[in-house]
Structure formats: C-alpha cells, structure tokens
C-alpha cells in the first residue's frame, strides 16, 4: 500500500506518526465518489484546465486512509504542506491508472480476449 512521507512528526490521539498509509481505490470507491479531478477544454476549445474536486478527495481520504496507519482521526490536523502531499497521493492513483490504461497494447501479449466468444 502506498505510503505518504510527511514533512514532520505529528502526535494525535495518542499516536506519533510521520507517514500516512493509503490503500488503492477500488471500483466500489470510484463508482461511489467519482473522479477527484476533472479536465475541461478551454473556452475556445483549445487548451485544458484541471479542476480538483476537493470534496471528492476528502471522501477518498475517508475510505482510503488505513486504520492505525495512523488512521483518519489522526490525519485531520495535518499542516498545509502535508495536506497537499496526501491530496496529491490520492489524485496520483487516478493519474497512474489513466496512464496505464492509455498505453498501447503490446502485440506479443496474446489475443484480445474480448473478441473471443
């Protein structure tokens, strides 16, 4: 599971920690919450801009923060630097997944199973 190294050591709810462990999102998480960012074309149809859906990122944090590593209740008071690091880690799951899914398939990987009936 991915670990987010924090910029400093924290103490909260009787726990000391300097990292946050997140599990990877699953289909049930993605379908329940949606994408944490949206990409839009510019007003002239050119260019792109990204809109972060912070409420969705927060919903993912609630689901993905591994209990006792340090747990959701302990990460609520992270400073801004570490808050951004955790947010970027959550968004990073989706960037990595889209990058993997957009790679061209290797012709030596075998036949396409979806075309077989």
PDB file of N, CA and C in Angstrom:
ATOM      1  N   UNK A   1       0.845  -1.183   0.000  1.00  0.00           N
ATOM      2  CA  UNK A   1       0.000   0.000   0.000  1.00  0.00           C
ATOM      3  C   UNK A   1       0.886   1.241   0.000  1.00  0.00           C
ATOM      4  N   UNK A   2       0.476   2.257  -0.720  1.00  0.00           N
ATOM      5  CA  UNK A   2       1.286   3.468  -0.800  1.00  0.00           C
ATOM      6  C   UNK A   2       1.410   4.186   0.540  1.00  0.00           C
ATOM      7  N   UNK A   3       2.590   4.690   0.765  1.00  0.00           N
ATOM      8  CA  UNK A   3       2.905   5.442   1.979  1.00  0.00           C
ATOM      9  C   UNK A   3       3.224   6.875   1.581  1.00  0.00           C
ATOM     10  N   UNK A   4       2.619   7.844   2.263  1.00  0.00           N
ATOM     11  CA  UNK A   4       2.933   9.253   2.064  1.00  0.00           C
ATOM     12  C   UNK A   4       3.830   9.680   3.215  1.00  0.00           C
ATOM     13  N   UNK A   5       5.076  10.003   2.906  1.00  0.00           N
ATOM     14  CA  UNK A   5       6.016  10.504   3.916  1.00  0.00           C
ATOM     15  C   UNK A   5       5.659  11.948   4.206  1.00  0.00           C
ATOM     16  N   UNK A   6       5.539  12.276   5.476  1.00  0.00           N
ATOM     17  CA  UNK A   6       5.167  13.626   5.882  1.00  0.00           C
ATOM     18  C   UNK A   6       6.416  14.459   6.152  1.00  0.00           C
ATOM     19  N   UNK A   7       6.255  15.771   6.164  1.00  0.00           N
ATOM     20  CA  UNK A   7       7.387  16.685   6.340  1.00  0.00           C
ATOM     21  C   UNK A   7       7.883  16.750   7.778  1.00  0.00           C
ATOM     22  N   UNK A   8       7.062  16.263   8.694  1.00  0.00           N
ATOM     23  CA  UNK A   8       7.458  16.280  10.108  1.00  0.00           C
ATOM     24  C   UNK A   8       6.698  15.204  10.871  1.00  0.00           C
ATOM     25  N   UNK A   9       7.039  15.060  12.125  1.00  0.00           N
ATOM     26  CA  UNK A   9       6.385  14.078  13.000  1.00  0.00           C
ATOM     27  C   UNK A   9       5.191  14.749  13.684  1.00  0.00           C
ATOM     28  N   UNK A  10       4.075  14.045  13.748  1.00  0.00           N
ATOM     29  CA  UNK A  10       2.855  14.535  14.389  1.00  0.00           C
ATOM     30  C   UNK A  10       2.512  13.643  15.572  1.00  0.00           C
ATOM     31  N   UNK A  11       1.748  14.196  16.494  1.00  0.00           N
ATOM     32  CA  UNK A  11       1.161  13.405  17.578  1.00  0.00           C
ATOM     33  C   UNK A  11      -0.308  13.767  17.660  1.00  0.00           C
ATOM     34  N   UNK A  12      -1.161  12.753  17.594  1.00  0.00           N
ATOM     35  CA  UNK A  12      -2.603  12.961  17.672  1.00  0.00           C
ATOM     36  C   UNK A  12      -3.254  11.687  18.187  1.00  0.00           C
ATOM     37  N   UNK A  13      -4.201  11.845  19.076  1.00  0.00           N
ATOM     38  CA  UNK A  13      -4.963  10.720  19.620  1.00  0.00           C
ATOM     39  C   UNK A  13      -4.044   9.636  20.188  1.00  0.00           C
ATOM     40  N   UNK A  14      -2.993  10.073  20.857  1.00  0.00           N
ATOM     41  CA  UNK A  14      -2.085   9.135  21.492  1.00  0.00           C
ATOM     42  C   UNK A  14      -1.150   8.407  20.550  1.00  0.00           C
ATOM     43  N   UNK A  15      -1.069   8.856  19.296  1.00  0.00           N
ATOM     44  CA  UNK A  15      -0.198   8.219  18.304  1.00  0.00           C
ATOM     45  C   UNK A  15       0.798   9.229  17.765  1.00  0.00           C
ATOM     46  N   UNK A  16       2.027   8.798  17.600  1.00  0.00           N
ATOM     47  CA  UNK A  16       3.040   9.601  16.919  1.00  0.00           C
ATOM     48  C   UNK A  16       3.224   8.997  15.533  1.00  0.00           C
ATOM     49  N   UNK A  17       3.301   9.848  14.520  1.00  0.00           N
ATOM     50  CA  UNK A  17       3.444   9.339  13.151  1.00  0.00           C
ATOM     51  C   UNK A  17       4.114  10.376  12.268  1.00  0.00           C
ATOM     52  N   UNK A  18       4.786   9.895  11.221  1.00  0.00           N
ATOM     53  CA  UNK A  18       5.408  10.774  10.232  1.00  0.00           C
ATOM     54  C   UNK A  18       5.122  10.295   8.812  1.00  0.00           C
ATOM     55  N   UNK A  19       4.139   9.437   8.690  1.00  0.00           N
ATOM     56  CA  UNK A  19       3.696   8.953   7.394  1.00  0.00           C
ATOM     57  C   UNK A  19       2.239   8.526   7.482  1.00  0.00           C
ATOM     58  N   UNK A  20       1.600   8.503   6.320  1.00  0.00           N
ATOM     59  CA  UNK A  20       0.203   8.100   6.216  1.00  0.00           C
ATOM     60  C   UNK A  20       0.138   6.975   5.182  1.00  0.00           C
ATOM     61  N   UNK A  21      -0.540   5.908   5.527  1.00  0.00           N
ATOM     62  CA  UNK A  21      -0.698   4.800   4.590  1.00  0.00           C
ATOM     63  C   UNK A  21      -2.095   4.860   3.971  1.00  0.00           C
ATOM     64  N   UNK A  22      -2.129   4.739   2.654  1.00  0.00           N
ATOM     65  CA  UNK A  22      -3.386   4.745   1.915  1.00  0.00           C
ATOM     66  C   UNK A  22      -3.500   3.439   1.137  1.00  0.00           C
ATOM     67  N   UNK A  23      -4.695   2.886   1.096  1.00  0.00           N
ATOM     68  CA  UNK A  23      -4.905   1.739   0.214  1.00  0.00           C
ATOM     69  C   UNK A  23      -5.327   2.277  -1.148  1.00  0.00           C
ATOM     70  N   UNK A  24      -5.144   1.479  -2.186  1.00  0.00           N
ATOM     71  CA  UNK A  24      -5.541   1.915  -3.519  1.00  0.00           C
ATOM     72  C   UNK A  24      -7.065   1.884  -3.648  1.00  0.00           C
ATOM     73  N   UNK A  25      -7.629   2.830  -4.403  1.00  0.00           N
ATOM     74  CA  UNK A  25      -9.083   2.829  -4.605  1.00  0.00           C
ATOM     75  C   UNK A  25      -9.535   1.588  -5.376  1.00  0.00           C
ATOM     76  N   UNK A  26     -10.734   1.167  -5.082  1.00  0.00           N
ATOM     77  CA  UNK A  26     -11.368   0.028  -5.763  1.00  0.00           C
ATOM     78  C   UNK A  26     -12.537   0.546  -6.603  1.00  0.00           C
ATOM     79  N   UNK A  27     -13.103  -0.325  -7.402  1.00  0.00           N
ATOM     80  CA  UNK A  27     -14.242   0.034  -8.238  1.00  0.00           C
ATOM     81  C   UNK A  27     -15.374   0.615  -7.395  1.00  0.00           C
ATOM     82  N   UNK A  28     -15.663  -0.004  -6.273  1.00  0.00           N
ATOM     83  CA  UNK A  28     -16.774   0.484  -5.429  1.00  0.00           C
ATOM     84  C   UNK A  28     -16.521   1.916  -4.949  1.00  0.00           C
ATOM     85  N   UNK A  29     -15.255   2.258  -4.668  1.00  0.00           N
ATOM     86  CA  UNK A  29     -14.920   3.619  -4.251  1.00  0.00           C
ATOM     87  C   UNK A  29     -15.117   4.594  -5.412  1.00  0.00           C
ATOM     88  N   UNK A  30     -14.592   4.222  -6.569  1.00  0.00           N
ATOM     89  CA  UNK A  30     -14.665   5.096  -7.742  1.00  0.00           C
ATOM     90  C   UNK A  30     -16.111   5.335  -8.167  1.00  0.00           C
ATOM     91  N   UNK A  31     -16.908   4.292  -8.189  1.00  0.00           N
ATOM     92  CA  UNK A  31     -18.308   4.463  -8.585  1.00  0.00           C
ATOM     93  C   UNK A  31     -19.107   5.258  -7.552  1.00  0.00           C
ATOM     94  N   UNK A  32     -18.765   5.126  -6.282  1.00  0.00           N
ATOM     95  CA  UNK A  32     -19.490   5.850  -5.238  1.00  0.00           C
ATOM     96  C   UNK A  32     -19.114   7.332  -5.201  1.00  0.00           C
ATOM     97  N   UNK A  33     -17.851   7.654  -5.513  1.00  0.00           N
ATOM     98  CA  UNK A  33     -17.369   9.022  -5.345  1.00  0.00           C
ATOM     99  C   UNK A  33     -17.162   9.749  -6.671  1.00  0.00           C
ATOM    100  N   UNK A  34     -16.643   9.048  -7.663  1.00  0.00           N
ATOM    101  CA  UNK A  34     -16.337   9.688  -8.943  1.00  0.00           C
ATOM    102  C   UNK A  34     -14.872  10.083  -9.009  1.00  0.00           C
ATOM    103  N   UNK A  35     -14.505  10.792 -10.060  1.00  0.00           N
ATOM    104  CA  UNK A  35     -13.124  11.225 -10.251  1.00  0.00           C
ATOM    105  C   UNK A  35     -12.804  12.408  -9.334  1.00  0.00           C
ATOM    106  N   UNK A  36     -11.598  12.420  -8.756  1.00  0.00           N
ATOM    107  CA  UNK A  36     -11.237  13.529  -7.875  1.00  0.00           C
ATOM    108  C   UNK A  36     -10.813  14.789  -8.639  1.00  0.00           C
ATOM    109  N   UNK A  37     -10.591  14.663  -9.941  1.00  0.00           N
ATOM    110  CA  UNK A  37     -10.274  15.823 -10.781  1.00  0.00           C
ATOM    111  C   UNK A  37     -11.070  15.720 -12.068  1.00  0.00           C
ATOM    112  N   UNK A  38     -11.333  16.875 -12.660  1.00  0.00           N
ATOM    113  CA  UNK A  38     -12.000  16.930 -13.957  1.00  0.00           C
ATOM    114  C   UNK A  38     -11.129  17.757 -14.887  1.00  0.00           C
ATOM    115  N   UNK A  39     -11.007  17.312 -16.125  1.00  0.00           N
ATOM    116  CA  UNK A  39     -10.240  18.046 -17.128  1.00  0.00           C
ATOM    117  C   UNK A  39     -11.239  18.653 -18.107  1.00  0.00           C
ATOM    118  N   UNK A  40     -11.106  19.962 -18.317  1.00  0.00           N
ATOM    119  CA  UNK A  40     -12.019  20.685 -19.200  1.00  0.00           C
ATOM    120  C   UNK A  40     -11.229  21.376 -20.305  1.00  0.00           C
ATOM    121  N   UNK A  41     -11.841  21.476 -21.469  1.00  0.00           N
ATOM    122  CA  UNK A  41     -11.250  22.251 -22.558  1.00  0.00           C
ATOM    123  C   UNK A  41     -11.455  23.731 -22.258  1.00  0.00           C
ATOM    124  N   UNK A  42     -10.539  24.534 -22.768  1.00  0.00           N
ATOM    125  CA  UNK A  42     -10.668  25.977 -22.604  1.00  0.00           C
ATOM    126  C   UNK A  42     -11.880  26.515 -23.344  1.00  0.00           C
ATOM    127  N   UNK A  43     -12.251  27.767 -23.106  1.00  0.00           N
ATOM    128  CA  UNK A  43     -13.451  28.341 -23.726  1.00  0.00           C
ATOM    129  C   UNK A  43     -13.405  28.357 -25.249  1.00  0.00           C
ATOM    130  N   UNK A  44     -12.223  28.411 -25.821  1.00  0.00           N
ATOM    131  CA  UNK A  44     -12.096  28.412 -27.276  1.00  0.00           C
ATOM    132  C   UNK A  44     -11.904  27.009 -27.834  1.00  0.00           C
ATOM    133  N   UNK A  45     -12.031  26.003 -26.962  1.00  0.00           N
ATOM    134  CA  UNK A  45     -11.842  24.619 -27.376  1.00  0.00           C
ATOM    135  C   UNK A  45     -10.382  24.204 -27.359  1.00  0.00           C
ATOM    136  N   UNK A  46      -9.514  25.149 -27.157  1.00  0.00           N
ATOM    137  CA  UNK A  46      -8.080  24.883 -27.096  1.00  0.00           C
ATOM    138  C   UNK A  46      -7.636  24.840 -25.635  1.00  0.00           C
ATOM    139  N   UNK A  47      -6.546  24.154 -25.409  1.00  0.00           N
ATOM    140  CA  UNK A  47      -6.006  24.095 -24.056  1.00  0.00           C
ATOM    141  C   UNK A  47      -6.877  23.270 -23.139  1.00  0.00           C
ATOM    142  N   UNK A  48      -6.369  23.032 -21.976  1.00  0.00           N
ATOM    143  CA  UNK A  48      -7.113  22.255 -20.982  1.00  0.00           C
ATOM    144  C   UNK A  48      -6.830  22.832 -19.607  1.00  0.00           C
ATOM    145  N   UNK A  49      -7.803  22.691 -18.739  1.00  0.00           N
ATOM    146  CA  UNK A  49      -7.544  23.044 -17.355  1.00  0.00           C
ATOM    147  C   UNK A  49      -8.147  21.974 -16.455  1.00  0.00           C
ATOM    148  N   UNK A  50      -7.530  21.824 -15.305  1.00  0.00           N
ATOM    149  CA  UNK A  50      -7.910  20.777 -14.364  1.00  0.00           C
ATOM    150  C   UNK A  50      -8.624  21.412 -13.175  1.00  0.00           C
ATOM    151  N   UNK A  51      -9.739  20.812 -12.795  1.00  0.00           N
ATOM    152  CA  UNK A  51     -10.495  21.262 -11.628  1.00  0.00           C
ATOM    153  C   UNK A  51     -10.439  20.146 -10.584  1.00  0.00           C
ATOM    154  N   UNK A  52      -9.848  20.457  -9.441  1.00  0.00           N
ATOM    155  CA  UNK A  52      -9.808  19.479  -8.351  1.00  0.00           C
ATOM    156  C   UNK A  52     -11.140  19.521  -7.606  1.00  0.00           C
ATOM    157  N   UNK A  53     -11.700  18.364  -7.370  1.00  0.00           N
ATOM    158  CA  UNK A  53     -12.942  18.244  -6.615  1.00  0.00           C
ATOM    159  C   UNK A  53     -12.569  17.884  -5.177  1.00  0.00           C
ATOM    160  N   UNK A  54     -12.303  18.898  -4.365  1.00  0.00           N
ATOM    161  CA  UNK A  54     -11.766  18.678  -3.026  1.00  0.00           C
ATOM    162  C   UNK A  54     -12.717  17.850  -2.158  1.00  0.00           C
ATOM    163  N   UNK A  55     -14.023  18.006  -2.353  1.00  0.00           N
ATOM    164  CA  UNK A  55     -14.961  17.198  -1.579  1.00  0.00           C
ATOM    165  C   UNK A  55     -14.810  15.716  -1.916  1.00  0.00           C
ATOM    166  N   UNK A  56     -14.514  15.409  -3.160  1.00  0.00           N
ATOM    167  CA  UNK A  56     -14.290  14.014  -3.558  1.00  0.00           C
ATOM    168  C   UNK A  56     -12.968  13.492  -3.000  1.00  0.00           C
ATOM    169  N   UNK A  57     -11.942  14.343  -3.022  1.00  0.00           N
ATOM    170  CA  UNK A  57     -10.657  13.937  -2.437  1.00  0.00           C
ATOM    171  C   UNK A  57     -10.851  13.617  -0.961  1.00  0.00           C
ATOM    172  N   UNK A  58     -11.620  14.436  -0.259  1.00  0.00           N
ATOM    173  CA  UNK A  58     -11.901  14.189   1.160  1.00  0.00           C
ATOM    174  C   UNK A  58     -12.656  12.873   1.350  1.00  0.00           C
ATOM    175  N   UNK A  59     -13.593  12.594   0.463  1.00  0.00           N
ATOM    176  CA  UNK A  59     -14.339  11.331   0.550  1.00  0.00           C
ATOM    177  C   UNK A  59     -13.413  10.141   0.324  1.00  0.00           C
ATOM    178  N   UNK A  60     -12.465  10.279  -0.615  1.00  0.00           N
ATOM    179  CA  UNK A  60     -11.481   9.209  -0.816  1.00  0.00           C
ATOM    180  C   UNK A  60     -10.600   9.047   0.414  1.00  0.00           C
ATOM    181  N   UNK A  61     -10.180  10.146   1.025  1.00  0.00           N
ATOM    182  CA  UNK A  61      -9.355  10.054   2.227  1.00  0.00           C
ATOM    183  C   UNK A  61     -10.078   9.251   3.305  1.00  0.00           C
ATOM    184  N   UNK A  62     -11.367   9.502   3.477  1.00  0.00           N
ATOM    185  CA  UNK A  62     -12.147   8.761   4.473  1.00  0.00           C
ATOM    186  C   UNK A  62     -12.141   7.266   4.195  1.00  0.00           C
ATOM    187  N   UNK A  63     -12.162   6.888   2.924  1.00  0.00           N
ATOM    188  CA  UNK A  63     -12.206   5.464   2.565  1.00  0.00           C
ATOM    189  C   UNK A  63     -10.818   4.822   2.486  1.00  0.00           C
ATOM    190  N   UNK A  64      -9.806   5.589   2.079  1.00  0.00           N
ATOM    191  CA  UNK A  64      -8.505   5.006   1.758  1.00  0.00           C
ATOM    192  C   UNK A  64      -7.493   5.051   2.887  1.00  0.00           C
ATOM    193  N   UNK A  65      -7.712   5.893   3.874  1.00  0.00           N
ATOM    194  CA  UNK A  65      -6.770   6.012   4.988  1.00  0.00           C
ATOM    195  C   UNK A  65      -6.820   4.720   5.808  1.00  0.00           C
ATOM    196  N   UNK A  66      -5.679   4.054   5.904  1.00  0.00           N
ATOM    197  CA  UNK A  66      -5.613   2.763   6.583  1.00  0.00           C
ATOM    198  C   UNK A  66      -5.684   2.984   8.092  1.00  0.00           C
ATOM    199  N   UNK A  67      -6.606   2.295   8.736  1.00  0.00           N
ATOM    200  CA  UNK A  67      -6.780   2.409  10.184  1.00  0.00           C
ATOM    201  C   UNK A  67      -5.475   2.103  10.898  1.00  0.00           C
ATOM    202  N   UNK A  68      -5.161   2.897  11.895  1.00  0.00           N
ATOM    203  CA  UNK A  68      -3.951   2.734  12.717  1.00  0.00           C
ATOM    204  C   UNK A  68      -2.672   2.942  11.931  1.00  0.00           C
ATOM    205  N   UNK A  69      -2.745   3.556  10.742  1.00  0.00           N
ATOM    206  CA  UNK A  69      -1.535   3.853   9.954  1.00  0.00           C
ATOM    207  C   UNK A  69      -1.512   5.298   9.496  1.00  0.00           C
ATOM    208  N   UNK A  70      -1.789   6.324  10.195  1.00  0.00           N
ATOM    209  CA  UNK A  70      -2.183   6.400  11.598  1.00  0.00           C
ATOM    210  C   UNK A  70      -3.684   6.378  11.818  1.00  0.00           C
ATOM    211  N   UNK A  71      -4.479   6.423  10.773  1.00  0.00           N
ATOM    212  CA  UNK A  71      -5.932   6.444  10.908  1.00  0.00           C
ATOM    213  C   UNK A  71      -6.494   7.823  10.611  1.00  0.00           C
ATOM    214  N   UNK A  72      -7.719   7.848  10.142  1.00  0.00           N
ATOM    215  CA  UNK A  72      -8.364   9.082   9.701  1.00  0.00           C
ATOM    216  C   UNK A  72      -8.422  10.143  10.791  1.00  0.00           C
ATOM    217  N   UNK A  73      -8.758   9.748  11.994  1.00  0.00           N
ATOM    218  CA  UNK A  73      -8.898  10.732  13.073  1.00  0.00           C
ATOM    219  C   UNK A  73      -7.589  11.460  13.353  1.00  0.00           C
ATOM    220  N   UNK A  74      -6.465  10.813  13.087  1.00  0.00           N
ATOM    221  CA  UNK A  74      -5.165  11.422  13.365  1.00  0.00           C
ATOM    222  C   UNK A  74      -4.677  12.341  12.245  1.00  0.00           C
ATOM    223  N   UNK A  75      -5.127  12.136  11.034  1.00  0.00           N
ATOM    224  CA  UNK A  75      -4.621  12.952   9.925  1.00  0.00           C
ATOM    225  C   UNK A  75      -5.416  14.234   9.703  1.00  0.00           C
ATOM    226  N   UNK A  76      -6.489  14.429  10.414  1.00  0.00           N
ATOM    227  CA  UNK A  76      -7.342  15.596  10.203  1.00  0.00           C
ATOM    228  C   UNK A  76      -6.634  16.926  10.472  1.00  0.00           C
ATOM    229  N   UNK A  77      -5.581  16.927  11.275  1.00  0.00           N
ATOM    230  CA  UNK A  77      -4.907  18.169  11.626  1.00  0.00           C
ATOM    231  C   UNK A  77      -3.517  18.309  11.010  1.00  0.00           C
ATOM    232  N   UNK A  78      -3.293  17.665   9.869  1.00  0.00           N
ATOM    233  CA  UNK A  78      -2.021  17.840   9.176  1.00  0.00           C
ATOM    234  C   UNK A  78      -1.870  19.295   8.747  1.00  0.00           C
ATOM    235  N   UNK A  79      -0.624  19.776   8.726  1.00  0.00           N
ATOM    236  CA  UNK A  79      -0.422  21.139   8.229  1.00  0.00           C
ATOM    237  C   UNK A  79      -0.619  21.178   6.719  1.00  0.00           C
ATOM    238  N   UNK A  80      -0.561  22.361   6.155  1.00  0.00           N
ATOM    239  CA  UNK A  80      -0.885  22.533   4.748  1.00  0.00           C
ATOM    240  C   UNK A  80       0.065  21.776   3.827  1.00  0.00           C
ATOM    241  N   UNK A  81       1.357  21.783   4.122  1.00  0.00           N
ATOM    242  CA  UNK A  81       2.330  21.074   3.287  1.00  0.00           C
ATOM    243  C   UNK A  81       1.972  19.594   3.205  1.00  0.00           C
ATOM    244  N   UNK A  82       1.688  18.980   4.340  1.00  0.00           N
ATOM    245  CA  UNK A  82       1.379  17.552   4.355  1.00  0.00           C
ATOM    246  C   UNK A  82      -0.031  17.269   3.845  1.00  0.00           C
ATOM    247  N   UNK A  83      -0.936  18.197   4.048  1.00  0.00           N
ATOM    248  CA  UNK A  83      -2.285  18.057   3.497  1.00  0.00           C
ATOM    249  C   UNK A  83      -2.229  17.978   1.970  1.00  0.00           C
ATOM    250  N   UNK A  84      -1.424  18.840   1.370  1.00  0.00           N
ATOM    251  CA  UNK A  84      -1.273  18.829  -0.083  1.00  0.00           C
ATOM    252  C   UNK A  84      -0.624  17.529  -0.539  1.00  0.00           C
ATOM    253  N   UNK A  85       0.353  17.028   0.215  1.00  0.00           N
ATOM    254  CA  UNK A  85       1.015  15.768  -0.152  1.00  0.00           C
ATOM    255  C   UNK A  85       0.028  14.610  -0.155  1.00  0.00           C
ATOM    256  N   UNK A  86      -0.845  14.555   0.837  1.00  0.00           N
ATOM    257  CA  UNK A  86      -1.846  13.487   0.903  1.00  0.00           C
ATOM    258  C   UNK A  86      -2.851  13.641  -0.244  1.00  0.00           C
ATOM    259  N   UNK A  87      -3.286  14.870  -0.494  1.00  0.00           N
ATOM    260  CA  UNK A  87      -4.222  15.118  -1.605  1.00  0.00           C
ATOM    261  C   UNK A  87      -3.603  14.678  -2.925  1.00  0.00           C
ATOM    262  N   UNK A  88      -2.340  15.028  -3.168  1.00  0.00           N
ATOM    263  CA  UNK A  88      -1.669  14.656  -4.404  1.00  0.00           C
ATOM    264  C   UNK A  88      -1.506  13.140  -4.522  1.00  0.00           C
ATOM    265  N   UNK A  89      -1.299  12.461  -3.407  1.00  0.00           N
ATOM    266  CA  UNK A  89      -1.194  10.992  -3.441  1.00  0.00           C
ATOM    267  C   UNK A  89      -2.523  10.375  -3.876  1.00  0.00           C
ATOM    268  N   UNK A  90      -3.621  10.903  -3.378  1.00  0.00           N
ATOM    269  CA  UNK A  90      -4.936  10.394  -3.760  1.00  0.00           C
ATOM    270  C   UNK A  90      -5.192  10.652  -5.242  1.00  0.00           C
ATOM    271  N   UNK A  91      -4.932  11.872  -5.696  1.00  0.00           N
ATOM    272  CA  UNK A  91      -5.100  12.189  -7.118  1.00  0.00           C
ATOM    273  C   UNK A  91      -4.143  11.348  -7.955  1.00  0.00           C
ATOM    274  N   UNK A  92      -2.961  11.076  -7.424  1.00  0.00           N
ATOM    275  CA  UNK A  92      -1.962  10.287  -8.129  1.00  0.00           C
ATOM    276  C   UNK A  92      -2.425   8.886  -8.487  1.00  0.00           C
ATOM    277  N   UNK A  93      -3.279   8.282  -7.659  1.00  0.00           N
ATOM    278  CA  UNK A  93      -3.831   6.970  -8.002  1.00  0.00           C
ATOM    279  C   UNK A  93      -4.519   7.025  -9.366  1.00  0.00           C
ATOM    280  N   UNK A  94      -5.263   8.085  -9.600  1.00  0.00           N
ATOM    281  CA  UNK A  94      -6.044   8.218 -10.825  1.00  0.00           C
ATOM    282  C   UNK A  94      -5.169   8.578 -12.017  1.00  0.00           C
ATOM    283  N   UNK A  95      -4.174   9.419 -11.797  1.00  0.00           N
ATOM    284  CA  UNK A  95      -3.244   9.748 -12.871  1.00  0.00           C
ATOM    285  C   UNK A  95      -2.509   8.487 -13.316  1.00  0.00           C
ATOM    286  N   UNK A  96      -2.019   7.712 -12.361  1.00  0.00           N
ATOM    287  CA  UNK A  96      -1.293   6.476 -12.683  1.00  0.00           C
ATOM    288  C   UNK A  96      -2.189   5.481 -13.416  1.00  0.00           C
ATOM    289  N   UNK A  97      -3.433   5.344 -12.968  1.00  0.00           N
ATOM    290  CA  UNK A  97      -4.353   4.404 -13.616  1.00  0.00           C
ATOM    291  C   UNK A  97      -4.655   4.832 -15.048  1.00  0.00           C
ATOM    292  N   UNK A  98      -4.870   6.117 -15.261  1.00  0.00           N
ATOM    293  CA  UNK A  98      -5.148   6.602 -16.621  1.00  0.00           C
ATOM    294  C   UNK A  98      -3.917   6.446 -17.513  1.00  0.00           C
ATOM    295  N   UNK A  99      -2.737   6.654 -16.961  1.00  0.00           N
ATOM    296  CA  UNK A  99      -1.512   6.464 -17.730  1.00  0.00           C
ATOM    297  C   UNK A  99      -1.359   5.006 -18.136  1.00  0.00           C
ATOM    298  N   UNK A 100      -1.597   4.100 -17.197  1.00  0.00           N
ATOM    299  CA  UNK A 100      -1.503   2.667 -17.507  1.00  0.00           C
ATOM    300  C   UNK A 100      -2.543   2.256 -18.536  1.00  0.00           C
ATOM    301  N   UNK A 101      -3.749   2.770 -18.432  1.00  0.00           N
ATOM    302  CA  UNK A 101      -4.815   2.348 -19.346  1.00  0.00           C
ATOM    303  C   UNK A 101      -4.678   2.971 -20.726  1.00  0.00           C
ATOM    304  N   UNK A 102      -3.899   4.029 -20.865  1.00  0.00           N
ATOM    305  CA  UNK A 102      -3.756   4.670 -22.174  1.00  0.00           C
ATOM    306  C   UNK A 102      -2.530   4.187 -22.935  1.00  0.00           C
ATOM    307  N   UNK A 103      -1.726   3.336 -22.331  1.00  0.00           N
ATOM    308  CA  UNK A 103      -0.560   2.792 -23.030  1.00  0.00           C
ATOM    309  C   UNK A 103      -1.017   1.858 -24.133  1.00  0.00           C
ATOM    310  N   UNK A 104      -0.321   1.900 -25.279  1.00  0.00           N
ATOM    311  CA  UNK A 104      -0.681   0.961 -26.354  1.00  0.00           C
ATOM    312  C   UNK A 104      -0.393  -0.470 -25.919  1.00  0.00           C
ATOM    313  N   UNK A 105      -1.234  -1.370 -26.368  1.00  0.00           N
ATOM    314  CA  UNK A 105      -1.027  -2.770 -26.018  1.00  0.00           C
ATOM    315  C   UNK A 105       0.097  -3.346 -26.842  1.00  0.00           C
ATOM    316  N   UNK A 106       0.780  -4.302 -26.286  1.00  0.00           N
ATOM    317  CA  UNK A 106       1.878  -4.972 -26.960  1.00  0.00           C
ATOM    318  C   UNK A 106       1.299  -6.122 -27.774  1.00  0.00           C
ATOM    319  N   UNK A 107       1.619  -6.174 -29.047  1.00  0.00           N
ATOM    320  CA  UNK A 107       1.050  -7.212 -29.914  1.00  0.00           C
ATOM    321  C   UNK A 107       1.506  -8.606 -29.501  1.00  0.00           C
ATOM    322  N   UNK A 108       2.598  -8.695 -28.734  1.00  0.00           N
ATOM    323  CA  UNK A 108       3.074 -10.026 -28.312  1.00  0.00           C
ATOM    324  C   UNK A 108       2.403 -10.487 -27.023  1.00  0.00           C
ATOM    325  N   UNK A 109       1.466  -9.699 -26.515  1.00  0.00           N
ATOM    326  CA  UNK A 109       0.838 -10.056 -25.249  1.00  0.00           C
ATOM    327  C   UNK A 109      -0.268 -11.090 -25.401  1.00  0.00           C
ATOM    328  N   UNK A 110      -0.578 -11.466 -26.629  1.00  0.00           N
ATOM    329  CA  UNK A 110      -1.584 -12.504 -26.822  1.00  0.00           C
ATOM    330  C   UNK A 110      -2.831 -11.960 -27.463  1.00  0.00           C
ATOM    331  N   UNK A 111      -3.778 -12.844 -27.777  1.00  0.00           N
ATOM    332  CA  UNK A 111      -5.001 -12.425 -28.456  1.00  0.00           C
ATOM    333  C   UNK A 111      -5.898 -11.610 -27.529  1.00  0.00           C
ATOM    334  N   UNK A 112      -6.708 -10.784 -28.135  1.00  0.00           N
ATOM    335  CA  UNK A 112      -7.683  -9.991 -27.410  1.00  0.00           C
ATOM    336  C   UNK A 112      -8.807 -10.897 -26.941  1.00  0.00           C
ATOM    337  N   UNK A 113      -8.941 -11.053 -25.636  1.00  0.00           N
ATOM    338  CA  UNK A 113      -9.935 -11.971 -25.092  1.00  0.00           C
ATOM    339  C   UNK A 113     -11.364 -11.442 -25.276  1.00  0.00           C
ATOM    340  N   UNK A 114     -11.518 -10.133 -25.462  1.00  0.00           N
ATOM    341  CA  UNK A 114     -12.872  -9.599 -25.615  1.00  0.00           C
ATOM    342  C   UNK A 114     -13.465  -9.951 -26.964  1.00  0.00           C
ATOM    343  N   UNK A 115     -12.614 -10.269 -27.946  1.00  0.00           N
ATOM    344  CA  UNK A 115     -13.155 -10.583 -29.266  1.00  0.00           C
ATOM    345  C   UNK A 115     -13.457 -12.073 -29.419  1.00  0.00           C
ATOM    346  N   UNK A 116     -13.087 -12.866 -28.416  1.00  0.00           N
ATOM    347  CA  UNK A 116     -13.364 -14.290 -28.488  1.00  0.00           C
ATOM    348  C   UNK A 116     -14.722 -14.578 -27.870  1.00  0.00           C
ATOM    349  N   UNK A 117     -15.487 -15.430 -28.490  1.00  0.00           N
ATOM    350  CA  UNK A 117     -16.801 -15.743 -27.927  1.00  0.00           C
ATOM    351  C   UNK A 117     -16.949 -17.210 -27.693  1.00  0.00           C
TER     352      UNK A 117
END
